[in-house]
Amino acid sequence: MSRDDKKWLIMRAVEKLFTSRRLHEITVDDVARDAKVAKGTIYLYFKDKDDLFLQTALCAFDDLREALEQAVPADAPFDDQLAAACREITAFFERRRQAYRMIQPEDARTLWHKGNVRKAWKAKRRELVGAVAAILRRGIDEGMLREDLPAPMLAHVLLGLLRLRSWYLAEHPEAEKHGGLLLDLFLRGARRADAAGS
């Protein structure tokens, strides 16, 4: 097993433990036991527990961005690209729910960090937003989306809607039947076409 394989096993162990425990309840000993590595091995890759959680969450950003790049066909029409992106982001949140749950508290914690940690977090977040924004920019260029809103802003809105949907579905799985409505809400806005003032 290579060094990179061990690092991957350690980070997957963190995600698995996060299923049933909160960040402060997970110890490095727990991670070592679940990853089936010596505790000292963890410190070959991570300087401390905070670094372990941060790198695991940052890796999730990379995994989602790479999944998007693979799932969205470059030569497809904008509507198909957007639908594929939404499906992949939603599937990622389902497939890697623990990683997604880790990202949320880490996102809040990085507000208090300074220097390299905050820079690394913002850079990974920008890469993900950039991947979504590239799809939306195509929609703007083709005249399908509003020109007065920057693509990165629209990307943040779409990602936020998909995150909220994931949270909601975790508690209300029956709402899955309304999945297409979210994309419609994003594309058309919340106002009904026949509502007064439209």
N, C-alpha and C. Protein backbone atom coordinates (compact mmCIF):
# COMPACT_ATOMS: atom_id res chain seq x y z
N MET A 1 0.84 -1.18 0.00
CA MET A 1 0.00 0.00 0.00
C MET A 1 0.89 1.24 0.00
N SER A 2 0.61 2.17 -0.88
CA SER A 2 1.43 3.38 -0.99
C SER A 2 1.07 4.38 0.10
N ARG A 3 1.96 5.36 0.26
CA ARG A 3 1.70 6.42 1.24
C ARG A 3 0.39 7.13 0.94
N ASP A 4 0.13 7.40 -0.33
CA ASP A 4 -1.11 8.10 -0.69
C ASP A 4 -2.33 7.25 -0.36
N ASP A 5 -2.23 5.93 -0.53
CA ASP A 5 -3.34 5.05 -0.18
C ASP A 5 -3.64 5.13 1.31
N LYS A 6 -2.59 5.18 2.12
CA LYS A 6 -2.79 5.28 3.57
C LYS A 6 -3.44 6.61 3.94
N LYS A 7 -3.01 7.67 3.30
CA LYS A 7 -3.62 8.98 3.58
C LYS A 7 -5.10 8.93 3.22
N TRP A 8 -5.42 8.32 2.09
CA TRP A 8 -6.82 8.21 1.67
C TRP A 8 -7.63 7.40 2.68
N LEU A 9 -7.08 6.27 3.16
CA LEU A 9 -7.76 5.45 4.16
C LEU A 9 -8.02 6.22 5.44
N ILE A 10 -7.05 7.03 5.84
CA ILE A 10 -7.20 7.83 7.05
C ILE A 10 -8.33 8.85 6.88
N MET A 11 -8.35 9.52 5.75
CA MET A 11 -9.40 10.53 5.53
C MET A 11 -10.78 9.87 5.41
N ARG A 12 -10.87 8.70 4.80
CA ARG A 12 -12.15 8.01 4.72
C ARG A 12 -12.61 7.57 6.11
N ALA A 13 -11.67 7.19 6.96
CA ALA A 13 -12.02 6.82 8.34
C ALA A 13 -12.62 8.02 9.07
N VAL A 14 -12.05 9.20 8.85
CA VAL A 14 -12.60 10.41 9.47
C VAL A 14 -14.04 10.63 9.00
N GLU A 15 -14.27 10.51 7.71
CA GLU A 15 -15.64 10.69 7.19
C GLU A 15 -16.59 9.68 7.82
N LYS A 16 -16.16 8.43 7.90
CA LYS A 16 -17.02 7.39 8.48
C LYS A 16 -17.35 7.70 9.93
N LEU A 17 -16.35 8.09 10.70
CA LEU A 17 -16.58 8.42 12.11
C LEU A 17 -17.51 9.61 12.27
N PHE A 18 -17.46 10.50 11.30
CA PHE A 18 -18.29 11.70 11.36
C PHE A 18 -19.77 11.37 11.19
N THR A 19 -20.08 10.15 10.75
CA THR A 19 -21.47 9.71 10.59
C THR A 19 -22.20 9.74 11.92
N SER A 20 -21.51 9.31 12.97
CA SER A 20 -22.19 9.15 14.26
C SER A 20 -21.64 10.04 15.37
N ARG A 21 -20.62 10.83 15.07
CA ARG A 21 -20.04 11.68 16.12
C ARG A 21 -19.76 13.07 15.61
N ARG A 22 -19.64 13.98 16.55
CA ARG A 22 -19.27 15.35 16.20
C ARG A 22 -17.75 15.46 16.22
N LEU A 23 -17.27 16.53 15.63
CA LEU A 23 -15.84 16.75 15.48
C LEU A 23 -15.07 16.58 16.78
N HIS A 24 -15.53 17.23 17.84
CA HIS A 24 -14.78 17.18 19.10
C HIS A 24 -14.85 15.81 19.78
N GLU A 25 -15.76 14.94 19.34
CA GLU A 25 -15.89 13.61 19.94
C GLU A 25 -14.98 12.57 19.28
N ILE A 26 -14.39 12.92 18.15
CA ILE A 26 -13.54 11.99 17.42
C ILE A 26 -12.09 12.22 17.83
N THR A 27 -11.42 11.15 18.23
CA THR A 27 -10.02 11.26 18.62
C THR A 27 -9.12 10.70 17.51
N VAL A 28 -7.86 11.04 17.57
CA VAL A 28 -6.89 10.50 16.61
C VAL A 28 -6.79 8.98 16.79
N ASP A 29 -6.93 8.51 18.03
CA ASP A 29 -6.93 7.06 18.28
C ASP A 29 -8.09 6.39 17.55
N ASP A 30 -9.27 7.02 17.58
CA ASP A 30 -10.43 6.47 16.85
C ASP A 30 -10.14 6.36 15.37
N VAL A 31 -9.55 7.41 14.82
CA VAL A 31 -9.24 7.44 13.39
C VAL A 31 -8.24 6.34 13.04
N ALA A 32 -7.20 6.21 13.85
CA ALA A 32 -6.17 5.18 13.61
C ALA A 32 -6.80 3.78 13.63
N ARG A 33 -7.66 3.55 14.61
CA ARG A 33 -8.30 2.23 14.72
C ARG A 33 -9.17 1.95 13.48
N ASP A 34 -9.98 2.92 13.07
CA ASP A 34 -10.86 2.70 11.92
C ASP A 34 -10.10 2.59 10.60
N ALA A 35 -8.99 3.32 10.50
CA ALA A 35 -8.18 3.28 9.27
C ALA A 35 -7.24 2.08 9.26
N LYS A 36 -7.13 1.40 10.42
CA LYS A 36 -6.23 0.25 10.58
C LYS A 36 -4.78 0.64 10.30
N VAL A 37 -4.39 1.79 10.90
CA VAL A 37 -3.00 2.25 10.83
C VAL A 37 -2.55 2.59 12.24
N ALA A 38 -1.25 2.67 12.43
CA ALA A 38 -0.71 3.11 13.72
C ALA A 38 -0.98 4.60 13.89
N LYS A 39 -1.18 5.00 15.12
CA LYS A 39 -1.45 6.41 15.39
C LYS A 39 -0.33 7.30 14.84
N GLY A 40 0.89 6.86 14.95
CA GLY A 40 2.03 7.63 14.44
C GLY A 40 1.96 7.84 12.93
N THR A 41 1.34 6.89 12.22
CA THR A 41 1.20 7.02 10.76
C THR A 41 0.39 8.25 10.40
N ILE A 42 -0.61 8.54 11.21
CA ILE A 42 -1.45 9.71 10.95
C ILE A 42 -0.60 10.98 10.93
N TYR A 43 0.36 11.02 11.85
CA TYR A 43 1.19 12.23 11.95
C TYR A 43 2.24 12.33 10.85
N LEU A 44 2.36 11.30 10.03
CA LEU A 44 3.21 11.41 8.83
C LEU A 44 2.53 12.29 7.78
N TYR A 45 1.20 12.35 7.81
CA TYR A 45 0.43 13.07 6.81
C TYR A 45 -0.21 14.35 7.34
N PHE A 46 -0.50 14.37 8.63
CA PHE A 46 -1.24 15.49 9.21
C PHE A 46 -0.53 15.96 10.47
N LYS A 47 -0.42 17.28 10.64
CA LYS A 47 0.34 17.77 11.80
C LYS A 47 -0.42 17.63 13.11
N ASP A 48 -1.77 17.66 13.05
CA ASP A 48 -2.58 17.48 14.24
C ASP A 48 -4.01 17.17 13.82
N LYS A 49 -4.89 17.03 14.80
CA LYS A 49 -6.27 16.67 14.52
C LYS A 49 -6.96 17.74 13.66
N ASP A 50 -6.71 19.00 13.94
CA ASP A 50 -7.32 20.08 13.14
C ASP A 50 -6.89 19.98 11.68
N ASP A 51 -5.61 19.70 11.46
CA ASP A 51 -5.10 19.57 10.10
C ASP A 51 -5.74 18.36 9.40
N LEU A 52 -5.93 17.28 10.14
CA LEU A 52 -6.57 16.08 9.60
C LEU A 52 -7.99 16.41 9.11
N PHE A 53 -8.76 17.11 9.93
CA PHE A 53 -10.12 17.44 9.54
C PHE A 53 -10.13 18.45 8.39
N LEU A 54 -9.25 19.41 8.45
CA LEU A 54 -9.19 20.41 7.38
C LEU A 54 -8.84 19.76 6.05
N GLN A 55 -7.80 18.94 6.02
CA GLN A 55 -7.40 18.30 4.76
C GLN A 55 -8.47 17.34 4.24
N THR A 56 -9.18 16.68 5.14
CA THR A 56 -10.26 15.79 4.71
C THR A 56 -11.38 16.60 4.05
N ALA A 57 -11.73 17.73 4.65
CA ALA A 57 -12.77 18.59 4.07
C ALA A 57 -12.29 19.19 2.75
N LEU A 58 -11.03 19.62 2.67
CA LEU A 58 -10.50 20.19 1.42
C LEU A 58 -10.50 19.14 0.31
N CYS A 59 -10.20 17.91 0.67
CA CYS A 59 -10.20 16.83 -0.31
C CYS A 59 -11.61 16.63 -0.88
N ALA A 60 -12.62 16.83 -0.05
CA ALA A 60 -14.00 16.68 -0.52
C ALA A 60 -14.32 17.72 -1.58
N PHE A 61 -13.81 18.95 -1.41
CA PHE A 61 -13.99 19.97 -2.45
C PHE A 61 -13.39 19.49 -3.77
N ASP A 62 -12.17 18.96 -3.71
CA ASP A 62 -11.51 18.45 -4.92
C ASP A 62 -12.31 17.31 -5.55
N ASP A 63 -12.79 16.40 -4.71
CA ASP A 63 -13.55 15.26 -5.22
C ASP A 63 -14.82 15.71 -5.93
N LEU A 64 -15.51 16.69 -5.36
CA LEU A 64 -16.73 17.18 -5.99
C LEU A 64 -16.42 17.89 -7.30
N ARG A 65 -15.39 18.70 -7.31
CA ARG A 65 -15.02 19.40 -8.56
C ARG A 65 -14.65 18.40 -9.65
N GLU A 66 -13.86 17.38 -9.30
CA GLU A 66 -13.48 16.36 -10.28
C GLU A 66 -14.69 15.57 -10.76
N ALA A 67 -15.62 15.26 -9.86
CA ALA A 67 -16.83 14.54 -10.25
C ALA A 67 -17.65 15.38 -11.24
N LEU A 68 -17.70 16.68 -11.00
CA LEU A 68 -18.42 17.57 -11.92
C LEU A 68 -17.77 17.57 -13.30
N GLU A 69 -16.45 17.66 -13.32
CA GLU A 69 -15.74 17.68 -14.60
C GLU A 69 -16.00 16.41 -15.40
N GLN A 70 -16.12 15.29 -14.71
CA GLN A 70 -16.37 14.02 -15.40
C GLN A 70 -17.82 13.85 -15.81
N ALA A 71 -18.75 14.40 -15.01
CA ALA A 71 -20.18 14.16 -15.25
C ALA A 71 -20.81 15.11 -16.26
N VAL A 72 -20.21 16.30 -16.43
CA VAL A 72 -20.82 17.31 -17.30
C VAL A 72 -20.16 17.25 -18.67
N PRO A 73 -20.91 16.85 -19.70
CA PRO A 73 -20.32 16.75 -21.04
C PRO A 73 -20.01 18.13 -21.62
N ALA A 74 -18.78 18.33 -22.03
CA ALA A 74 -18.32 19.65 -22.50
C ALA A 74 -19.04 20.11 -23.75
N ASP A 75 -19.48 19.18 -24.59
CA ASP A 75 -20.09 19.56 -25.86
C ASP A 75 -21.62 19.54 -25.83
N ALA A 76 -22.20 19.34 -24.65
CA ALA A 76 -23.66 19.29 -24.54
C ALA A 76 -24.24 20.70 -24.49
N PRO A 77 -25.53 20.85 -24.84
CA PRO A 77 -26.19 22.15 -24.70
C PRO A 77 -26.20 22.59 -23.24
N PHE A 78 -26.35 23.88 -23.04
CA PHE A 78 -26.31 24.45 -21.68
C PHE A 78 -27.31 23.76 -20.75
N ASP A 79 -28.55 23.58 -21.17
CA ASP A 79 -29.57 22.95 -20.31
C ASP A 79 -29.12 21.58 -19.83
N ASP A 80 -28.52 20.80 -20.73
CA ASP A 80 -28.06 19.47 -20.37
C ASP A 80 -26.87 19.54 -19.41
N GLN A 81 -25.98 20.50 -19.64
CA GLN A 81 -24.85 20.67 -18.74
C GLN A 81 -25.32 21.03 -17.33
N LEU A 82 -26.24 21.97 -17.26
CA LEU A 82 -26.75 22.40 -15.96
C LEU A 82 -27.46 21.26 -15.24
N ALA A 83 -28.29 20.52 -15.96
CA ALA A 83 -28.99 19.39 -15.35
C ALA A 83 -28.00 18.34 -14.86
N ALA A 84 -26.97 18.06 -15.66
CA ALA A 84 -25.96 17.08 -15.26
C ALA A 84 -25.20 17.55 -14.03
N ALA A 85 -24.87 18.84 -13.98
CA ALA A 85 -24.16 19.39 -12.82
C ALA A 85 -25.01 19.28 -11.56
N CYS A 86 -26.28 19.62 -11.67
CA CYS A 86 -27.18 19.54 -10.51
C CYS A 86 -27.32 18.10 -10.03
N ARG A 87 -27.46 17.17 -10.97
CA ARG A 87 -27.56 15.75 -10.59
C ARG A 87 -26.30 15.29 -9.88
N GLU A 88 -25.13 15.68 -10.42
CA GLU A 88 -23.87 15.21 -9.82
C GLU A 88 -23.64 15.83 -8.45
N ILE A 89 -23.94 17.10 -8.29
CA ILE A 89 -23.75 17.74 -6.98
C ILE A 89 -24.68 17.09 -5.96
N THR A 90 -25.93 16.88 -6.34
CA THR A 90 -26.89 16.23 -5.44
C THR A 90 -26.43 14.82 -5.10
N ALA A 91 -25.99 14.07 -6.10
CA ALA A 91 -25.52 12.71 -5.86
C ALA A 91 -24.30 12.70 -4.95
N PHE A 92 -23.41 13.68 -5.13
CA PHE A 92 -22.23 13.77 -4.27
C PHE A 92 -22.65 13.99 -2.83
N PHE A 93 -23.59 14.92 -2.61
CA PHE A 93 -24.06 15.19 -1.25
C PHE A 93 -24.67 13.94 -0.63
N GLU A 94 -25.30 13.10 -1.44
CA GLU A 94 -25.86 11.85 -0.93
C GLU A 94 -24.77 10.81 -0.70
N ARG A 95 -23.89 10.66 -1.68
CA ARG A 95 -22.83 9.65 -1.64
C ARG A 95 -21.82 9.94 -0.54
N ARG A 96 -21.51 11.20 -0.36
CA ARG A 96 -20.47 11.59 0.59
C ARG A 96 -21.06 12.51 1.67
N ARG A 97 -22.19 12.09 2.19
CA ARG A 97 -22.89 12.91 3.18
C ARG A 97 -22.00 13.30 4.35
N GLN A 98 -21.16 12.38 4.79
CA GLN A 98 -20.28 12.68 5.93
C GLN A 98 -19.29 13.77 5.58
N ALA A 99 -18.72 13.69 4.37
CA ALA A 99 -17.77 14.73 3.95
C ALA A 99 -18.47 16.08 3.87
N TYR A 100 -19.67 16.06 3.34
CA TYR A 100 -20.44 17.29 3.23
C TYR A 100 -20.73 17.86 4.62
N ARG A 101 -21.08 16.97 5.57
CA ARG A 101 -21.33 17.44 6.93
C ARG A 101 -20.06 17.99 7.57
N MET A 102 -18.90 17.50 7.15
CA MET A 102 -17.64 18.03 7.68
C MET A 102 -17.35 19.41 7.12
N ILE A 103 -17.68 19.60 5.85
CA ILE A 103 -17.39 20.87 5.20
C ILE A 103 -18.09 22.02 5.90
N GLN A 104 -19.32 21.80 6.33
CA GLN A 104 -20.10 22.88 6.92
C GLN A 104 -19.44 23.49 8.16
N PRO A 105 -19.10 22.69 9.19
CA PRO A 105 -18.45 23.31 10.36
C PRO A 105 -17.06 23.85 10.03
N GLU A 106 -16.34 23.15 9.13
CA GLU A 106 -15.01 23.65 8.76
C GLU A 106 -15.13 25.01 8.07
N ASP A 107 -16.17 25.17 7.27
CA ASP A 107 -16.39 26.44 6.58
C ASP A 107 -16.54 27.55 7.60
N ALA A 108 -17.32 27.31 8.63
CA ALA A 108 -17.51 28.32 9.68
C ALA A 108 -16.22 28.56 10.46
N ARG A 109 -15.48 27.49 10.74
CA ARG A 109 -14.25 27.62 11.52
C ARG A 109 -13.18 28.41 10.78
N THR A 110 -13.16 28.33 9.46
CA THR A 110 -12.11 29.02 8.71
C THR A 110 -12.25 30.54 8.80
N LEU A 111 -13.41 31.02 9.18
CA LEU A 111 -13.58 32.46 9.38
C LEU A 111 -12.67 32.98 10.49
N TRP A 112 -12.34 32.10 11.44
CA TRP A 112 -11.50 32.49 12.57
C TRP A 112 -10.02 32.23 12.31
N HIS A 113 -9.74 31.46 11.29
CA HIS A 113 -8.33 31.18 10.95
C HIS A 113 -7.75 32.35 10.17
N LYS A 114 -6.44 32.44 10.22
CA LYS A 114 -5.74 33.44 9.42
C LYS A 114 -4.67 32.71 8.61
N GLY A 115 -4.10 33.42 7.69
CA GLY A 115 -2.95 32.90 6.96
C GLY A 115 -3.28 31.77 6.02
N ASN A 116 -2.40 30.75 6.02
CA ASN A 116 -2.45 29.69 5.02
C ASN A 116 -3.71 28.84 5.06
N VAL A 117 -4.24 28.59 6.25
CA VAL A 117 -5.44 27.76 6.36
C VAL A 117 -6.60 28.44 5.66
N ARG A 118 -6.79 29.69 5.96
CA ARG A 118 -7.89 30.43 5.33
C ARG A 118 -7.69 30.55 3.82
N LYS A 119 -6.45 30.80 3.41
CA LYS A 119 -6.15 30.92 1.97
C LYS A 119 -6.44 29.60 1.25
N ALA A 120 -6.02 28.49 1.84
CA ALA A 120 -6.23 27.17 1.22
C ALA A 120 -7.73 26.89 1.10
N TRP A 121 -8.47 27.18 2.16
CA TRP A 121 -9.92 26.93 2.14
C TRP A 121 -10.59 27.77 1.06
N LYS A 122 -10.26 29.06 1.02
CA LYS A 122 -10.88 29.95 0.03
C LYS A 122 -10.51 29.54 -1.39
N ALA A 123 -9.28 29.06 -1.58
CA ALA A 123 -8.84 28.64 -2.92
C ALA A 123 -9.64 27.42 -3.38
N LYS A 124 -9.82 26.44 -2.51
CA LYS A 124 -10.59 25.23 -2.87
C LYS A 124 -12.05 25.59 -3.15
N ARG A 125 -12.58 26.46 -2.34
CA ARG A 125 -13.96 26.88 -2.53
C ARG A 125 -14.11 27.61 -3.87
N ARG A 126 -13.13 28.48 -4.18
CA ARG A 126 -13.15 29.21 -5.46
C ARG A 126 -13.10 28.25 -6.64
N GLU A 127 -12.30 27.20 -6.54
CA GLU A 127 -12.20 26.22 -7.62
C GLU A 127 -13.55 25.56 -7.87
N LEU A 128 -14.24 25.17 -6.80
CA LEU A 128 -15.55 24.54 -6.95
C LEU A 128 -16.56 25.52 -7.54
N VAL A 129 -16.60 26.72 -6.98
CA VAL A 129 -17.52 27.75 -7.50
C VAL A 129 -17.18 28.04 -8.96
N GLY A 130 -15.90 28.08 -9.29
CA GLY A 130 -15.47 28.34 -10.66
C GLY A 130 -15.95 27.27 -11.63
N ALA A 131 -15.93 26.01 -11.19
CA ALA A 131 -16.40 24.92 -12.06
C ALA A 131 -17.89 25.07 -12.37
N VAL A 132 -18.67 25.44 -11.36
CA VAL A 132 -20.10 25.65 -11.57
C VAL A 132 -20.33 26.93 -12.36
N ALA A 133 -19.57 27.98 -12.05
CA ALA A 133 -19.72 29.26 -12.74
C ALA A 133 -19.41 29.13 -14.24
N ALA A 134 -18.48 28.26 -14.60
CA ALA A 134 -18.14 28.07 -16.02
C ALA A 134 -19.36 27.57 -16.79
N ILE A 135 -20.13 26.69 -16.18
CA ILE A 135 -21.35 26.20 -16.83
C ILE A 135 -22.37 27.34 -16.94
N LEU A 136 -22.52 28.08 -15.87
CA LEU A 136 -23.51 29.17 -15.85
C LEU A 136 -23.10 30.30 -16.80
N ARG A 137 -21.81 30.52 -16.92
CA ARG A 137 -21.33 31.55 -17.85
C ARG A 137 -21.73 31.22 -19.28
N ARG A 138 -21.72 29.94 -19.59
CA ARG A 138 -22.16 29.52 -20.92
C ARG A 138 -23.63 29.88 -21.11
N GLY A 139 -24.44 29.68 -20.07
CA GLY A 139 -25.85 30.05 -20.15
C GLY A 139 -26.04 31.55 -20.32
N ILE A 140 -25.19 32.33 -19.69
CA ILE A 140 -25.24 33.80 -19.85
C ILE A 140 -24.86 34.16 -21.27
N ASP A 141 -23.75 33.57 -21.76
CA ASP A 141 -23.28 33.87 -23.11
C ASP A 141 -24.30 33.49 -24.18
N GLU A 142 -25.07 32.44 -23.92
CA GLU A 142 -26.07 32.00 -24.89
C GLU A 142 -27.40 32.72 -24.72
N GLY A 143 -27.45 33.68 -23.79
CA GLY A 143 -28.66 34.45 -23.59
C GLY A 143 -29.76 33.72 -22.84
N MET A 144 -29.40 32.64 -22.15
CA MET A 144 -30.40 31.85 -21.42
C MET A 144 -30.51 32.27 -19.96
N LEU A 145 -29.48 32.93 -19.44
CA LEU A 145 -29.49 33.40 -18.06
C LEU A 145 -29.28 34.92 -18.05
N ARG A 146 -29.69 35.55 -16.98
CA ARG A 146 -29.57 37.00 -16.84
C ARG A 146 -28.12 37.44 -16.96
N GLU A 147 -27.91 38.55 -17.64
CA GLU A 147 -26.56 39.10 -17.82
C GLU A 147 -26.14 39.99 -16.66
N ASP A 148 -27.11 40.46 -15.88
CA ASP A 148 -26.79 41.43 -14.83
C ASP A 148 -26.28 40.79 -13.54
N LEU A 149 -26.20 39.47 -13.49
CA LEU A 149 -25.67 38.78 -12.32
C LEU A 149 -24.42 38.02 -12.72
N PRO A 150 -23.32 38.23 -12.02
CA PRO A 150 -22.08 37.52 -12.37
C PRO A 150 -22.23 36.01 -12.17
N ALA A 151 -21.60 35.26 -13.03
CA ALA A 151 -21.69 33.79 -12.97
C ALA A 151 -21.24 33.24 -11.60
N PRO A 152 -20.16 33.77 -10.97
CA PRO A 152 -19.80 33.23 -9.65
C PRO A 152 -20.91 33.45 -8.61
N MET A 153 -21.60 34.58 -8.69
CA MET A 153 -22.70 34.81 -7.75
C MET A 153 -23.82 33.79 -7.99
N LEU A 154 -24.15 33.56 -9.26
CA LEU A 154 -25.17 32.56 -9.58
C LEU A 154 -24.73 31.17 -9.11
N ALA A 155 -23.44 30.88 -9.23
CA ALA A 155 -22.91 29.58 -8.79
C ALA A 155 -23.10 29.41 -7.28
N HIS A 156 -22.83 30.46 -6.51
CA HIS A 156 -23.04 30.40 -5.06
C HIS A 156 -24.51 30.15 -4.74
N VAL A 157 -25.41 30.82 -5.47
CA VAL A 157 -26.85 30.65 -5.25
C VAL A 157 -27.25 29.20 -5.54
N LEU A 158 -26.81 28.68 -6.68
CA LEU A 158 -27.17 27.31 -7.06
C LEU A 158 -26.62 26.30 -6.06
N LEU A 159 -25.36 26.45 -5.68
CA LEU A 159 -24.77 25.53 -4.70
C LEU A 159 -25.52 25.62 -3.37
N GLY A 160 -25.91 26.83 -2.98
CA GLY A 160 -26.67 26.99 -1.74
C GLY A 160 -28.02 26.29 -1.81
N LEU A 161 -28.71 26.41 -2.94
CA LEU A 161 -29.99 25.73 -3.12
C LEU A 161 -29.82 24.21 -3.05
N LEU A 162 -28.79 23.71 -3.68
CA LEU A 162 -28.56 22.26 -3.68
C LEU A 162 -28.18 21.76 -2.28
N ARG A 163 -27.42 22.57 -1.53
CA ARG A 163 -27.11 22.20 -0.14
C ARG A 163 -28.38 22.15 0.70
N LEU A 164 -29.21 23.18 0.57
CA LEU A 164 -30.46 23.21 1.33
C LEU A 164 -31.35 22.03 0.97
N ARG A 165 -31.38 21.71 -0.31
CA ARG A 165 -32.19 20.56 -0.75
C ARG A 165 -31.69 19.29 -0.09
N SER A 166 -30.39 19.12 -0.02
CA SER A 166 -29.81 17.93 0.59
C SER A 166 -30.20 17.85 2.07
N TRP A 167 -30.10 18.95 2.78
CA TRP A 167 -30.50 18.97 4.19
C TRP A 167 -31.97 18.62 4.33
N TYR A 168 -32.79 19.22 3.49
CA TYR A 168 -34.23 19.00 3.58
C TYR A 168 -34.58 17.55 3.28
N LEU A 169 -33.96 16.99 2.24
CA LEU A 169 -34.26 15.61 1.87
C LEU A 169 -33.83 14.61 2.94
N ALA A 170 -32.79 14.96 3.69
CA ALA A 170 -32.35 14.07 4.77
C ALA A 170 -33.47 13.88 5.79
N GLU A 171 -34.28 14.91 5.98
CA GLU A 171 -35.39 14.84 6.94
C GLU A 171 -36.73 14.52 6.28
N HIS A 172 -36.85 14.82 4.98
CA HIS A 172 -38.12 14.63 4.26
C HIS A 172 -37.86 13.92 2.94
N PRO A 173 -37.52 12.63 2.96
CA PRO A 173 -37.17 11.94 1.72
C PRO A 173 -38.30 11.91 0.70
N GLU A 174 -39.53 12.04 1.16
CA GLU A 174 -40.66 12.03 0.22
C GLU A 174 -40.64 13.23 -0.72
N ALA A 175 -39.89 14.27 -0.37
CA ALA A 175 -39.82 15.48 -1.20
C ALA A 175 -38.95 15.27 -2.44
N GLU A 176 -38.31 14.11 -2.58
CA GLU A 176 -37.47 13.83 -3.74
C GLU A 176 -38.24 13.98 -5.04
N LYS A 177 -39.56 13.71 -4.99
CA LYS A 177 -40.38 13.81 -6.20
C LYS A 177 -40.42 15.23 -6.76
N HIS A 178 -40.03 16.21 -5.94
CA HIS A 178 -40.03 17.60 -6.38
C HIS A 178 -38.65 18.06 -6.84
N GLY A 179 -37.74 17.13 -7.09
CA GLY A 179 -36.36 17.47 -7.44
C GLY A 179 -36.23 18.42 -8.60
N GLY A 180 -37.02 18.24 -9.66
CA GLY A 180 -36.95 19.11 -10.83
C GLY A 180 -37.39 20.52 -10.56
N LEU A 181 -38.19 20.70 -9.51
CA LEU A 181 -38.69 22.04 -9.20
C LEU A 181 -37.57 22.97 -8.75
N LEU A 182 -36.55 22.41 -8.12
CA LEU A 182 -35.45 23.24 -7.66
C LEU A 182 -34.73 23.90 -8.83
N LEU A 183 -34.47 23.14 -9.86
CA LEU A 183 -33.82 23.69 -11.04
C LEU A 183 -34.72 24.73 -11.70
N ASP A 184 -36.00 24.46 -11.74
CA ASP A 184 -36.95 25.43 -12.30
C ASP A 184 -36.95 26.71 -11.46
N LEU A 185 -36.91 26.55 -10.15
CA LEU A 185 -36.87 27.72 -9.26
C LEU A 185 -35.63 28.56 -9.53
N PHE A 186 -34.51 27.88 -9.71
CA PHE A 186 -33.27 28.59 -9.99
C PHE A 186 -33.35 29.32 -11.33
N LEU A 187 -33.82 28.62 -12.35
CA LEU A 187 -33.82 29.19 -13.71
C LEU A 187 -34.88 30.28 -13.90
N ARG A 188 -36.01 30.13 -13.31
CA ARG A 188 -37.12 31.05 -13.57
C ARG A 188 -37.40 32.03 -12.44
N GLY A 189 -36.89 31.75 -11.26
CA GLY A 189 -37.22 32.59 -10.12
C GLY A 189 -38.46 32.03 -9.43
N ALA A 190 -38.77 32.56 -8.29
CA ALA A 190 -39.86 32.03 -7.48
C ALA A 190 -41.24 32.52 -7.92
N ARG A 191 -41.29 33.61 -8.68
CA ARG A 191 -42.58 34.20 -9.08
C ARG A 191 -43.25 33.34 -10.16
N ARG A 192 -44.52 33.08 -9.95
CA ARG A 192 -45.29 32.38 -10.97
C ARG A 192 -45.49 33.27 -12.19
N ALA A 193 -45.54 32.67 -13.35
CA ALA A 193 -45.67 33.44 -14.59
C ALA A 193 -46.98 34.23 -14.65
N ASP A 194 -48.03 33.70 -14.02
CA ASP A 194 -49.32 34.38 -14.08
C ASP A 194 -49.60 35.25 -12.86
N ALA A 195 -48.58 35.43 -11.99
CA ALA A 195 -48.77 36.24 -10.79
C ALA A 195 -48.85 37.72 -11.16
N ALA A 196 -49.51 38.50 -10.35
CA ALA A 196 -49.65 39.94 -10.59
C ALA A 196 -48.28 40.59 -10.59
N GLY A 197 -48.06 41.51 -11.50
CA GLY A 197 -46.80 42.25 -11.56
C GLY A 197 -45.74 41.57 -12.37
N SER A 198 -46.04 40.41 -12.96
CA SER A 198 -45.00 39.73 -13.76
C SER A 198 -45.07 40.14 -15.20
